[in-house]
């Protein structure tokens, strides 16, 4: 996509389908402009000379993650996990379909 090229209708359709959005034509035009502006801004960042910039570190010096020892323990059996479920099938939780075609 060139700097002056808008998002194609196919690209917007694909993005909206992935995000499960039903966009109107007006919303598609607005989104296309906003996405183009965002990408053009990031393209400007590529023009910056960062050769003298040191890699970033965490802003708080001395901050460390605290990890606990990984100790395995007995978890719920399949029967215990499913005993309060309203619907089960073949040892699994049964739910309604949550993804559109």
Protein backbone atom coordinates (compact mmCIF):
# COMPACT_ATOMS: atom_id res chain seq x y z
CA UNK A 1 0.00 0.00 0.00
CA UNK A 2 1.51 3.33 -1.02
CA UNK A 3 1.47 6.46 1.17
CA UNK A 4 -1.45 8.02 -0.70
CA UNK A 5 -3.47 4.86 -1.28
CA UNK A 6 -6.63 4.27 0.76
CA UNK A 7 -7.47 0.90 2.21
CA UNK A 8 -9.23 -1.21 -0.37
CA UNK A 9 -12.80 -2.30 0.22
CA UNK A 10 -11.59 -5.91 0.31
CA UNK A 11 -9.07 -5.10 3.08
CA UNK A 12 -11.72 -3.37 5.18
CA UNK A 13 -14.17 -6.23 4.61
CA UNK A 14 -11.51 -8.70 5.72
CA UNK A 15 -10.62 -6.69 8.85
CA UNK A 16 -14.26 -6.17 9.81
CA UNK A 17 -14.99 -9.88 9.31
CA UNK A 18 -12.04 -10.86 11.52
CA UNK A 19 -13.24 -8.42 14.20
CA UNK A 20 -16.86 -9.58 13.78
CA UNK A 21 -17.96 -6.03 12.95
CA UNK A 22 -20.86 -5.14 10.71
CA UNK A 23 -19.80 -1.73 9.38
CA UNK A 24 -21.89 0.71 7.39
CA UNK A 25 -20.44 2.38 4.29
CA UNK A 26 -19.92 5.60 6.28
CA UNK A 27 -18.10 3.72 9.04
CA UNK A 28 -15.89 2.00 6.45
CA UNK A 29 -14.88 5.35 4.93
CA UNK A 30 -14.08 6.77 8.37
CA UNK A 31 -12.14 3.66 9.39
CA UNK A 32 -10.18 3.66 6.13
CA UNK A 33 -9.04 7.25 6.74
CA UNK A 34 -8.13 6.55 10.38
CA UNK A 35 -6.15 3.41 9.52
CA UNK A 36 -4.34 5.25 6.72
CA UNK A 37 -3.44 8.09 9.11
CA UNK A 38 -2.14 5.65 11.73
CA UNK A 39 0.03 3.78 9.24
CA UNK A 40 1.38 7.01 7.77
CA UNK A 41 2.37 8.13 11.27
CA UNK A 42 4.30 4.91 11.82
CA UNK A 43 5.99 5.35 8.45
CA UNK A 44 7.25 8.74 9.67
CA UNK A 45 8.85 7.01 12.64
CA UNK A 46 10.94 4.93 10.21
CA UNK A 47 12.63 8.15 9.05
CA UNK A 48 14.04 8.94 12.50
CA UNK A 49 17.74 8.41 13.15
CA UNK A 50 17.93 6.14 16.18
CA UNK A 51 21.57 5.09 15.82
CA UNK A 52 22.55 7.05 18.95
CA UNK A 53 19.57 5.94 21.04
CA UNK A 54 20.31 3.31 23.66
CA UNK A 55 17.90 0.37 23.90
CA UNK A 56 15.16 0.97 26.44
CA UNK A 57 15.11 -0.72 29.80
CA UNK A 58 12.42 -0.80 32.42
CA UNK A 59 11.70 2.70 33.76
CA UNK A 60 11.98 1.50 37.37
CA UNK A 61 15.54 0.43 38.17
CA UNK A 62 15.95 -2.67 40.26
CA UNK A 63 12.44 -3.97 39.62
CA UNK A 64 12.45 -7.76 39.47
CA UNK A 65 9.76 -10.33 38.85
CA UNK A 66 8.96 -12.45 41.86
CA UNK A 67 8.59 -16.08 40.93
CA UNK A 68 7.35 -18.84 43.17
CA UNK A 69 8.52 -22.38 42.91
CA UNK A 70 6.36 -24.42 40.57
CA UNK A 71 4.95 -27.13 42.80
CA UNK A 72 2.46 -29.51 41.17
CA UNK A 73 -0.58 -30.56 43.19
CA UNK A 74 -3.64 -32.70 42.62
CA UNK A 75 -6.25 -30.89 40.55
CA UNK A 76 -9.93 -31.64 40.04
CA UNK A 77 -10.88 -34.86 38.34
CA UNK A 78 -12.95 -34.59 35.19
CA UNK A 79 -16.02 -35.78 37.10
CA UNK A 80 -15.50 -33.18 39.86
CA UNK A 81 -15.08 -30.39 37.31
CA UNK A 82 -18.27 -31.35 35.48
CA UNK A 83 -20.49 -32.19 38.46
CA UNK A 84 -22.14 -28.73 38.63
CA UNK A 85 -22.36 -28.17 34.87
CA UNK A 86 -25.90 -27.97 33.54
CA UNK A 87 -24.97 -29.53 30.19
CA UNK A 88 -22.15 -31.97 29.44
CA UNK A 89 -21.34 -34.30 26.57
CA UNK A 90 -18.72 -37.04 26.36
CA UNK A 91 -16.81 -35.71 29.39
CA UNK A 92 -16.76 -32.05 28.24
CA UNK A 93 -18.73 -28.89 29.03
CA UNK A 94 -21.45 -28.42 26.41
CA UNK A 95 -22.22 -24.85 25.33
CA UNK A 96 -24.07 -23.12 22.55
CA UNK A 97 -22.18 -22.02 19.45
CA UNK A 98 -20.33 -18.73 20.11
CA UNK A 99 -18.67 -18.06 16.73
CA UNK A 100 -20.61 -16.80 13.72
CA UNK A 101 -20.03 -18.35 10.30
